[in-house]
C-alpha atoms as a PDB file:
ATOM      1  CA  MET A   1       0.199  -0.078  -0.010  1.00  0.00           C
ATOM      2  CA  THR A   2       1.441   3.407  -0.933  1.00  0.00           C
ATOM      3  CA  HIS A   3       0.783   6.902  -0.004  1.00  0.00           C
ATOM      4  CA  SER A   4       1.716  10.189  -1.331  1.00  0.00           C
ATOM      5  CA  ASN A   5       1.572  13.710  -0.023  1.00  0.00           C
ATOM      6  CA  ASN A   6       0.814  14.834  -3.575  1.00  0.00           C
ATOM      7  CA  SER A   7      -2.158  12.736  -4.054  1.00  0.00           C
ATOM      8  CA  PRO A   8      -2.132  12.049  -7.741  1.00  0.00           C
ATOM      9  CA  GLN A   9      -5.399  10.400  -7.523  1.00  0.00           C
ATOM     10  CA  LEU A  10      -6.994  13.291  -5.757  1.00  0.00           C
ATOM     11  CA  LYS A  11      -5.845  15.586  -8.433  1.00  0.00           C
ATOM     12  CA  ARG A  12      -7.143  13.173 -11.041  1.00  0.00           C
ATOM     13  CA  LEU A  13     -10.565  13.134  -9.400  1.00  0.00           C
ATOM     14  CA  LEU A  14     -10.478  17.085  -9.128  1.00  0.00           C
ATOM     15  CA  SER A  15      -9.597  17.282 -12.814  1.00  0.00           C
ATOM     16  CA  ILE A  16     -12.359  14.930 -13.749  1.00  0.00           C
ATOM     17  CA  MET A  17     -14.943  16.803 -11.927  1.00  0.00           C
ATOM     18  CA  ALA A  18     -13.879  20.149 -13.444  1.00  0.00           C
ATOM     19  CA  LYS A  19     -14.165  18.468 -17.065  1.00  0.00           C
ATOM     20  CA  LEU A  20     -17.677  17.097 -16.166  1.00  0.00           C
ATOM     21  CA  ARG A  21     -18.841  20.483 -15.070  1.00  0.00           C
ATOM     22  CA  ASP A  22     -17.046  22.451 -17.930  1.00  0.00           C
ATOM     23  CA  PRO A  23     -19.635  24.344 -19.991  1.00  0.00           C
ATOM     24  CA  ASP A  24     -17.855  23.656 -23.211  1.00  0.00           C
ATOM     25  CA  GLY A  25     -17.873  19.735 -23.790  1.00  0.00           C
ATOM     26  CA  GLY A  26     -19.033  18.791 -20.128  1.00  0.00           C
ATOM     27  CA  CYS A  27     -21.517  16.201 -19.308  1.00  0.00           C
ATOM     28  CA  GLU A  28     -25.107  17.455 -19.640  1.00  0.00           C
ATOM     29  CA  TRP A  29     -26.526  15.846 -16.401  1.00  0.00           C
ATOM     30  CA  ASP A  30     -23.497  17.057 -14.186  1.00  0.00           C
ATOM     31  CA  LEU A  31     -23.898  20.638 -15.495  1.00  0.00           C
ATOM     32  CA  ALA A  32     -27.564  20.681 -14.825  1.00  0.00           C
ATOM     33  CA  GLN A  33     -26.934  20.019 -11.038  1.00  0.00           C
ATOM     34  CA  ASN A  34     -26.972  22.338  -8.031  1.00  0.00           C
ATOM     35  CA  PHE A  35     -26.363  22.025  -4.251  1.00  0.00           C
ATOM     36  CA  LYS A  36     -29.868  21.007  -3.563  1.00  0.00           C
ATOM     37  CA  THR A  37     -30.130  18.522  -6.244  1.00  0.00           C
ATOM     38  CA  ILE A  38     -26.792  16.905  -5.284  1.00  0.00           C
ATOM     39  CA  ALA A  39     -27.590  16.752  -1.663  1.00  0.00           C
ATOM     40  CA  PRO A  40     -29.964  13.697  -1.601  1.00  0.00           C
ATOM     41  CA  TYR A  41     -26.988  11.792  -3.311  1.00  0.00           C
ATOM     42  CA  THR A  42     -24.603  13.141  -0.623  1.00  0.00           C
ATOM     43  CA  ILE A  43     -26.899  11.620   2.187  1.00  0.00           C
ATOM     44  CA  GLU A  44     -27.585   8.360   0.369  1.00  0.00           C
ATOM     45  CA  GLU A  45     -23.818   7.722  -0.274  1.00  0.00           C
ATOM     46  CA  ALA A  46     -23.044   8.316   3.452  1.00  0.00           C
ATOM     47  CA  TYR A  47     -25.686   5.719   4.320  1.00  0.00           C
ATOM     48  CA  GLU A  48     -24.065   3.271   1.791  1.00  0.00           C
ATOM     49  CA  VAL A  49     -20.760   3.855   3.611  1.00  0.00           C
ATOM     50  CA  SER A  50     -22.365   2.858   6.943  1.00  0.00           C
ATOM     51  CA  ASP A  51     -24.161  -0.164   5.281  1.00  0.00           C
ATOM     52  CA  ALA A  52     -20.743  -1.408   3.995  1.00  0.00           C
ATOM     53  CA  ILE A  53     -19.188  -1.242   7.496  1.00  0.00           C
ATOM     54  CA  GLU A  54     -22.170  -3.029   8.845  1.00  0.00           C
ATOM     55  CA  ARG A  55     -21.781  -5.855   6.395  1.00  0.00           C
ATOM     56  CA  ASN A  56     -18.007  -5.712   7.066  1.00  0.00           C
ATOM     57  CA  ASP A  57     -17.388  -5.583   3.311  1.00  0.00           C
ATOM     58  CA  MET A  58     -14.008  -3.781   2.927  1.00  0.00           C
ATOM     59  CA  ASP A  59     -14.131  -3.907  -0.822  1.00  0.00           C
ATOM     60  CA  GLU A  60     -17.448  -2.305  -0.841  1.00  0.00           C
ATOM     61  CA  LEU A  61     -16.402   0.105   1.752  1.00  0.00           C
ATOM     62  CA  LYS A  62     -13.570   1.319  -0.516  1.00  0.00           C
ATOM     63  CA  SER A  63     -15.982   1.845  -3.309  1.00  0.00           C
ATOM     64  CA  GLU A  64     -18.480   3.560  -0.992  1.00  0.00           C
ATOM     65  CA  LEU A  65     -15.850   5.875   0.291  1.00  0.00           C
ATOM     66  CA  GLY A  66     -14.815   6.829  -3.184  1.00  0.00           C
ATOM     67  CA  ASP A  67     -18.542   7.683  -3.863  1.00  0.00           C
ATOM     68  CA  LEU A  68     -18.693   9.950  -0.741  1.00  0.00           C
ATOM     69  CA  LEU A  69     -15.458  11.482  -1.569  1.00  0.00           C
ATOM     70  CA  LEU A  70     -16.917  12.474  -5.154  1.00  0.00           C
ATOM     71  CA  GLN A  71     -19.797  14.134  -3.549  1.00  0.00           C
ATOM     72  CA  VAL A  72     -17.597  16.410  -1.521  1.00  0.00           C
ATOM     73  CA  VAL A  73     -15.508  17.123  -4.694  1.00  0.00           C
ATOM     74  CA  PHE A  74     -18.922  17.856  -6.847  1.00  0.00           C
ATOM     75  CA  HIS A  75     -19.910  20.525  -4.057  1.00  0.00           C
ATOM     76  CA  SER A  76     -16.419  21.855  -3.962  1.00  0.00           C
ATOM     77  CA  GLN A  77     -16.522  22.206  -7.893  1.00  0.00           C
ATOM     78  CA  MET A  78     -19.788  24.077  -7.846  1.00  0.00           C
ATOM     79  CA  ALA A  79     -18.783  26.271  -5.123  1.00  0.00           C
ATOM     80  CA  ASP A  80     -15.329  27.212  -6.955  1.00  0.00           C
ATOM     81  CA  GLU A  81     -17.413  27.901 -10.206  1.00  0.00           C
ATOM     82  CA  VAL A  82     -19.202  30.812  -8.440  1.00  0.00           C
ATOM     83  CA  GLY A  83     -16.458  31.996  -6.347  1.00  0.00           C
ATOM     84  CA  LEU A  84     -17.343  30.756  -2.986  1.00  0.00           C
ATOM     85  CA  PHE A  85     -14.591  28.158  -2.081  1.00  0.00           C
ATOM     86  CA  ALA A  86     -12.744  25.458  -3.522  1.00  0.00           C
ATOM     87  CA  PHE A  87     -11.620  21.875  -2.582  1.00  0.00           C
ATOM     88  CA  GLU A  88      -8.479  23.387  -1.094  1.00  0.00           C
ATOM     89  CA  ASP A  89     -10.504  25.546   1.410  1.00  0.00           C
ATOM     90  CA  VAL A  90     -12.774  22.563   2.341  1.00  0.00           C
ATOM     91  CA  ALA A  91      -9.542  20.767   3.240  1.00  0.00           C
ATOM     92  CA  ARG A  92      -7.879  23.442   5.047  1.00  0.00           C
ATOM     93  CA  SER A  93     -11.043  24.189   7.163  1.00  0.00           C
ATOM     94  CA  ILE A  94     -11.283  20.555   8.434  1.00  0.00           C
ATOM     95  CA  SER A  95      -7.906  20.317   9.158  1.00  0.00           C
ATOM     96  CA  ASP A  96      -7.997  23.620  11.149  1.00  0.00           C
ATOM     97  CA  LYS A  97     -10.868  22.444  12.936  1.00  0.00           C
ATOM     98  CA  MET A  98      -9.400  19.097  13.996  1.00  0.00           C
ATOM     99  CA  GLU A  99      -6.171  20.645  15.071  1.00  0.00           C
ATOM    100  CA  SER A 100      -8.173  23.324  17.188  1.00  0.00           C
ATOM    101  CA  ARG A 101     -10.418  20.385  18.621  1.00  0.00           C
ATOM    102  CA  HIS A 102      -7.258  18.224  19.804  1.00  0.00           C
ATOM    103  CA  PRO A 103      -5.097  21.031  21.546  1.00  0.00           C
ATOM    104  CA  HIS A 104      -3.751  18.182  23.601  1.00  0.00           C
ATOM    105  CA  ILE A 105      -2.244  16.581  20.498  1.00  0.00           C
ATOM    106  CA  PHE A 106      -1.305  19.770  18.485  1.00  0.00           C
ATOM    107  CA  GLY A 107      -1.199  22.342  21.208  1.00  0.00           C
ATOM    108  CA  ASN A 108       0.184  22.802  24.622  1.00  0.00           C
ATOM    109  CA  GLU A 109      -2.702  21.265  26.671  1.00  0.00           C
ATOM    110  CA  THR A 110      -2.607  18.123  28.486  1.00  0.00           C
ATOM    111  CA  GLY A 111      -5.304  15.801  29.612  1.00  0.00           C
ATOM    112  CA  VAL A 112      -7.765  13.288  27.667  1.00  0.00           C
ATOM    113  CA  MET A 113     -10.089  14.269  25.104  1.00  0.00           C
ATOM    114  CA  ASP A 114     -13.540  13.017  26.560  1.00  0.00           C
ATOM    115  CA  GLY A 115     -17.036  13.769  25.523  1.00  0.00           C
ATOM    116  CA  LYS A 116     -17.428  16.661  27.918  1.00  0.00           C
ATOM    117  CA  ARG A 117     -14.278  18.350  26.707  1.00  0.00           C
ATOM    118  CA  TRP A 118     -15.102  17.784  23.090  1.00  0.00           C
ATOM    119  CA  GLU A 119     -18.468  19.550  23.585  1.00  0.00           C
ATOM    120  CA  ASP A 120     -16.894  22.352  25.395  1.00  0.00           C
ATOM    121  CA  LEU A 121     -14.534  23.007  22.463  1.00  0.00           C
ATOM    122  CA  LYS A 122     -17.474  22.858  20.038  1.00  0.00           C
ATOM    123  CA  ALA A 123     -19.504  25.266  22.256  1.00  0.00           C
ATOM    124  CA  LYS A 124     -16.526  27.729  22.204  1.00  0.00           C
ATOM    125  CA  GLU A 125     -16.475  27.378  18.373  1.00  0.00           C
ATOM    126  CA  ARG A 126     -20.205  28.242  18.218  1.00  0.00           C
ATOM    127  CA  ALA A 127     -19.688  31.308  20.372  1.00  0.00           C
ATOM    128  CA  ILE A 128     -16.961  32.517  18.034  1.00  0.00           C
ATOM    129  CA  THR A 129     -19.190  32.375  15.220  1.00  0.00           C
ATOM    130  CA  GLY A 130     -22.083  34.382  16.988  1.00  0.00           C
ATOM    131  CA  SER A 131     -24.136  31.563  18.023  1.00  0.00           C
ATOM    132  CA  ASN A 132     -26.510  32.521  20.870  1.00  0.00           C
ATOM    133  CA  SER A 133     -28.549  29.319  21.410  1.00  0.00           C
ATOM    134  CA  ALA A 134     -27.597  25.790  22.514  1.00  0.00           C
ATOM    135  CA  MET A 135     -29.660  24.439  19.878  1.00  0.00           C
ATOM    136  CA  GLU A 136     -27.873  25.927  17.097  1.00  0.00           C
ATOM    137  CA  GLY A 137     -25.682  23.719  14.747  1.00  0.00           C
ATOM    138  CA  VAL A 138     -27.803  20.556  14.892  1.00  0.00           C
ATOM    139  CA  ALA A 139     -28.509  19.903  11.337  1.00  0.00           C
ATOM    140  CA  GLN A 140     -32.107  19.802  10.169  1.00  0.00           C
ATOM    141  CA  ALA A 141     -31.308  17.086   7.708  1.00  0.00           C
ATOM    142  CA  LEU A 142     -30.333  14.588  10.430  1.00  0.00           C
ATOM    143  CA  PRO A 143     -32.495  11.322  10.917  1.00  0.00           C
ATOM    144  CA  ALA A 144     -35.137  12.416  13.359  1.00  0.00           C
ATOM    145  CA  LEU A 145     -34.017  10.118  16.198  1.00  0.00           C
ATOM    146  CA  MET A 146     -30.415  11.225  16.049  1.00  0.00           C
ATOM    147  CA  ARG A 147     -31.374  14.923  15.888  1.00  0.00           C
ATOM    148  CA  SER A 148     -33.844  14.428  18.817  1.00  0.00           C
ATOM    149  CA  GLU A 149     -31.010  13.017  20.982  1.00  0.00           C
ATOM    150  CA  LYS A 150     -28.678  15.738  19.945  1.00  0.00           C
ATOM    151  CA  LEU A 151     -31.272  18.449  20.701  1.00  0.00           C
ATOM    152  CA  GLN A 152     -31.886  16.827  24.173  1.00  0.00           C
ATOM    153  CA  LYS A 153     -27.942  16.399  24.990  1.00  0.00           C
ATOM    154  CA  ARG A 154     -27.743  20.296  24.038  1.00  0.00           C
ATOM    155  CA  ALA A 155     -30.505  21.074  26.554  1.00  0.00           C
ATOM    156  CA  ALA A 156     -29.032  18.864  29.269  1.00  0.00           C
ATOM    157  CA  ARG A 157     -25.685  20.521  28.995  1.00  0.00           C
ATOM    158  CA  VAL A 158     -27.244  23.826  30.071  1.00  0.00           C
ATOM    159  CA  GLY A 159     -29.441  22.129  32.853  1.00  0.00           C
ATOM    160  CA  PHE A 160     -32.440  21.646  31.225  1.00  0.00           C
ATOM    161  CA  GLU A 161     -32.861  17.765  32.081  1.00  0.00           C
ATOM    162  CA  TRP A 162     -35.082  15.698  34.522  1.00  0.00           C
ATOM    163  CA  PRO A 163     -32.751  14.789  37.623  1.00  0.00           C
ATOM    164  CA  ASP A 164     -33.684  11.206  36.975  1.00  0.00           C
ATOM    165  CA  LEU A 165     -35.756   8.478  35.079  1.00  0.00           C
ATOM    166  CA  HIS A 166     -38.856   9.238  36.980  1.00  0.00           C
ATOM    167  CA  GLY A 167     -39.590  12.281  35.247  1.00  0.00           C
ATOM    168  CA  PRO A 168     -39.447  11.142  31.460  1.00  0.00           C
ATOM    169  CA  LEU A 169     -41.200   7.872  32.348  1.00  0.00           C
ATOM    170  CA  GLU A 170     -44.212   9.747  33.874  1.00  0.00           C
ATOM    171  CA  LYS A 171     -44.034  12.027  30.870  1.00  0.00           C
ATOM    172  CA  LEU A 172     -44.193   9.114  28.637  1.00  0.00           C
ATOM    173  CA  LYS A 173     -47.403   8.011  30.207  1.00  0.00           C
ATOM    174  CA  GLU A 174     -48.940  11.386  29.929  1.00  0.00           C
ATOM    175  CA  GLU A 175     -47.895  11.671  26.216  1.00  0.00           C
ATOM    176  CA  LEU A 176     -49.309   8.007  25.531  1.00  0.00           C
ATOM    177  CA  SER A 177     -52.590   9.225  26.984  1.00  0.00           C
ATOM    178  CA  GLU A 178     -52.732  12.398  24.899  1.00  0.00           C
ATOM    179  CA  LEU A 179     -52.027  10.542  21.691  1.00  0.00           C
ATOM    180  CA  ASP A 180     -54.911   8.178  22.466  1.00  0.00           C
ATOM    181  CA  GLU A 181     -57.099  11.046  23.039  1.00  0.00           C
ATOM    182  CA  ALA A 182     -55.734  13.280  19.994  1.00  0.00           C
ATOM    183  CA  SER A 183     -58.076  14.186  16.995  1.00  0.00           C
ATOM    184  CA  ASP A 184     -56.857  13.439  13.564  1.00  0.00           C
ATOM    185  CA  GLU A 185     -55.390  16.927  13.287  1.00  0.00           C
ATOM    186  CA  GLU A 186     -53.458  16.385  16.450  1.00  0.00           C
ATOM    187  CA  ARG A 187     -52.328  13.144  16.076  1.00  0.00           C
ATOM    188  CA  LEU A 188     -49.045  13.728  14.258  1.00  0.00           C
ATOM    189  CA  ILE A 189     -47.794  16.255  16.873  1.00  0.00           C
ATOM    190  CA  GLU A 190     -48.798  13.874  19.777  1.00  0.00           C
ATOM    191  CA  ALA A 191     -47.219  10.864  18.206  1.00  0.00           C
ATOM    192  CA  GLY A 192     -44.130  12.969  17.865  1.00  0.00           C
ATOM    193  CA  ASP A 193     -44.141  13.947  21.444  1.00  0.00           C
ATOM    194  CA  VAL A 194     -44.326  10.201  22.356  1.00  0.00           C
ATOM    195  CA  LEU A 195     -41.279   9.339  20.419  1.00  0.00           C
ATOM    196  CA  PHE A 196     -39.316  12.501  21.781  1.00  0.00           C
ATOM    197  CA  VAL A 197     -39.869  11.170  25.340  1.00  0.00           C
ATOM    198  CA  ALA A 198     -38.885   7.811  24.307  1.00  0.00           C
ATOM    199  CA  VAL A 199     -35.741   8.860  23.024  1.00  0.00           C
ATOM    200  CA  ASN A 200     -35.208  10.754  26.299  1.00  0.00           C
ATOM    201  CA  ILE A 201     -35.560   7.424  28.304  1.00  0.00           C
ATOM    202  CA  ILE A 202     -33.262   5.574  25.920  1.00  0.00           C
ATOM    203  CA  ARG A 203     -30.566   8.136  26.129  1.00  0.00           C
ATOM    204  CA  ARG A 204     -30.477   8.130  29.976  1.00  0.00           C
ATOM    205  CA  TYR A 205     -29.702   4.302  29.632  1.00  0.00           C
ATOM    206  CA  GLY A 206     -26.664   5.203  27.676  1.00  0.00           C
ATOM    207  CA  VAL A 207     -28.095   3.833  24.404  1.00  0.00           C
ATOM    208  CA  ASP A 208     -27.981   5.517  21.053  1.00  0.00           C
ATOM    209  CA  ALA A 209     -31.660   5.696  19.983  1.00  0.00           C
ATOM    210  CA  GLU A 210     -30.854   5.380  16.353  1.00  0.00           C
ATOM    211  CA  GLN A 211     -28.883   2.318  16.611  1.00  0.00           C
ATOM    212  CA  ALA A 212     -31.242   0.740  18.962  1.00  0.00           C
ATOM    213  CA  LEU A 213     -34.046   1.084  16.412  1.00  0.00           C
ATOM    214  CA  LYS A 214     -31.932   0.020  13.699  1.00  0.00           C
ATOM    215  CA  ALA A 215     -31.169  -3.180  15.634  1.00  0.00           C
ATOM    216  CA  ALA A 216     -34.704  -3.691  16.305  1.00  0.00           C
ATOM    217  CA  ASN A 217     -35.649  -3.270  12.576  1.00  0.00           C
ATOM    218  CA  THR A 218     -33.057  -5.779  11.656  1.00  0.00           C
ATOM    219  CA  LYS A 219     -34.142  -8.234  14.246  1.00  0.00           C
ATOM    220  CA  PHE A 220     -37.798  -7.916  13.185  1.00  0.00           C
ATOM    221  CA  GLU A 221     -36.945  -8.283   9.503  1.00  0.00           C
ATOM    222  CA  ARG A 222     -34.808 -11.461  10.134  1.00  0.00           C
ATOM    223  CA  ARG A 223     -37.702 -12.993  12.261  1.00  0.00           C
ATOM    224  CA  PHE A 224     -40.351 -12.277   9.782  1.00  0.00           C
ATOM    225  CA  LYS A 225     -38.398 -13.674   6.911  1.00  0.00           C
ATOM    226  CA  GLN A 226     -37.711 -16.777   8.917  1.00  0.00           C
ATOM    227  CA  MET A 227     -41.339 -17.094   9.628  1.00  0.00           C
ATOM    228  CA  GLU A 228     -42.248 -17.080   6.190  1.00  0.00           C
ATOM    229  CA  LYS A 229     -39.727 -19.810   5.348  1.00  0.00           C
ATOM    230  CA  PHE A 230     -41.280 -22.119   8.253  1.00  0.00           C
ATOM    231  CA  ALA A 231     -44.603 -21.599   6.883  1.00  0.00           C
ATOM    232  CA  LYS A 232     -43.719 -22.330   3.282  1.00  0.00           C
ATOM    233  CA  ALA A 233     -41.682 -25.440   4.604  1.00  0.00           C
ATOM    234  CA  ASP A 234     -44.941 -26.472   6.207  1.00  0.00           C
ATOM    235  CA  GLY A 235     -46.992 -26.109   3.030  1.00  0.00           C
ATOM    236  CA  TYR A 236     -48.616 -22.931   4.266  1.00  0.00           C
ATOM    237  CA  ASP A 237     -49.030 -19.284   2.582  1.00  0.00           C
ATOM    238  CA  PHE A 238     -48.009 -17.225   5.531  1.00  0.00           C
ATOM    239  CA  ALA A 239     -50.253 -14.280   4.466  1.00  0.00           C
ATOM    240  CA  GLU A 240     -53.240 -16.621   4.556  1.00  0.00           C
ATOM    241  CA  LEU A 241     -52.750 -17.663   8.121  1.00  0.00           C
ATOM    242  CA  SER A 242     -54.713 -16.215  11.052  1.00  0.00           C
ATOM    243  CA  LEU A 243     -53.176 -13.921  13.440  1.00  0.00           C
ATOM    244  CA  ASN A 244     -52.870 -16.695  16.274  1.00  0.00           C
ATOM    245  CA  GLU A 245     -51.150 -19.100  13.794  1.00  0.00           C
ATOM    246  CA  GLN A 246     -48.724 -16.498  12.527  1.00  0.00           C
ATOM    247  CA  GLU A 247     -48.022 -15.990  16.123  1.00  0.00           C
ATOM    248  CA  CYS A 248     -47.145 -19.638  16.847  1.00  0.00           C
ATOM    249  CA  TYR A 249     -44.600 -19.195  13.968  1.00  0.00           C
ATOM    250  CA  TRP A 250     -43.215 -15.997  15.836  1.00  0.00           C
ATOM    251  CA  GLN A 251     -42.589 -17.909  18.951  1.00  0.00           C
ATOM    252  CA  ARG A 252     -40.991 -20.753  17.047  1.00  0.00           C
ATOM    253  CA  VAL A 253     -38.472 -18.507  15.511  1.00  0.00           C
ATOM    254  CA  LYS A 254     -37.576 -16.736  18.916  1.00  0.00           C
ATOM    255  CA  SER A 255     -37.389 -20.300  20.294  1.00  0.00           C
ATOM    256  CA  VAL A 256     -34.842 -21.427  17.634  1.00  0.00           C
ATOM    257  CA  GLU A 257     -32.913 -18.345  17.991  1.00  0.00           C
ATOM    258  CA  LYS A 258     -32.425 -19.122  21.867  1.00  0.00           C
ATOM    259  CA  THR A 259     -31.422 -22.635  21.109  1.00  0.00           C
ATOM    260  CA  VAL A 260     -28.871 -21.252  18.622  1.00  0.00           C
ATOM    261  CA  LYS A 261     -27.449 -18.843  21.190  1.00  0.00           C
END
């Protein structure tokens, strides 16, 4: 494996992107794009990177990281064309940020970089840029559960937090009752309140809500597919079974999983 400070492959990628965006002979599709049209692809590629890691597919990870890098190059090229910034500025910005956030490595400070210290440094950065709210800087485009957790952590840092689990547990009961009594127009908001409090409870146990739900989704999908396989092996169409019969297969799958463990 070779490394080069000059990064000829990065220069090649930047050159390719510039050519694709060249009004004189460039690609029609690439020329038609803007920041907003490319943003969904950027998010999609980030998820595909995560998926490759989950599957421990390193060859796929290499490919997906390339796709994600292309997104950075694409946005940088469009910004460069209108005089906003270039890829070099993007690289300089993150380099400056990483050095400033690791003063115990690149500066004269000592100590361990724990979560609190990291957040304190980020808070100082927000203050320097004129941020006047603990809520600022939490991206709107984050998955809802992840954003909920980040907002709650920000609030907790300035003292807006139940002292123990009793508070959010009681609040969850209240929100479930309000959801049950909600009108059609109110149901969306009340359902969101239930999820928001649930995230608070999960966070208090030190569990990442986004990862927890992801794991639950994976488990449910795995078990459901196994139920279908068992039913098919027994000569049944799973969709044609009664709920009680389907439940028997659900319990069978769970029993098999316990045996395997």
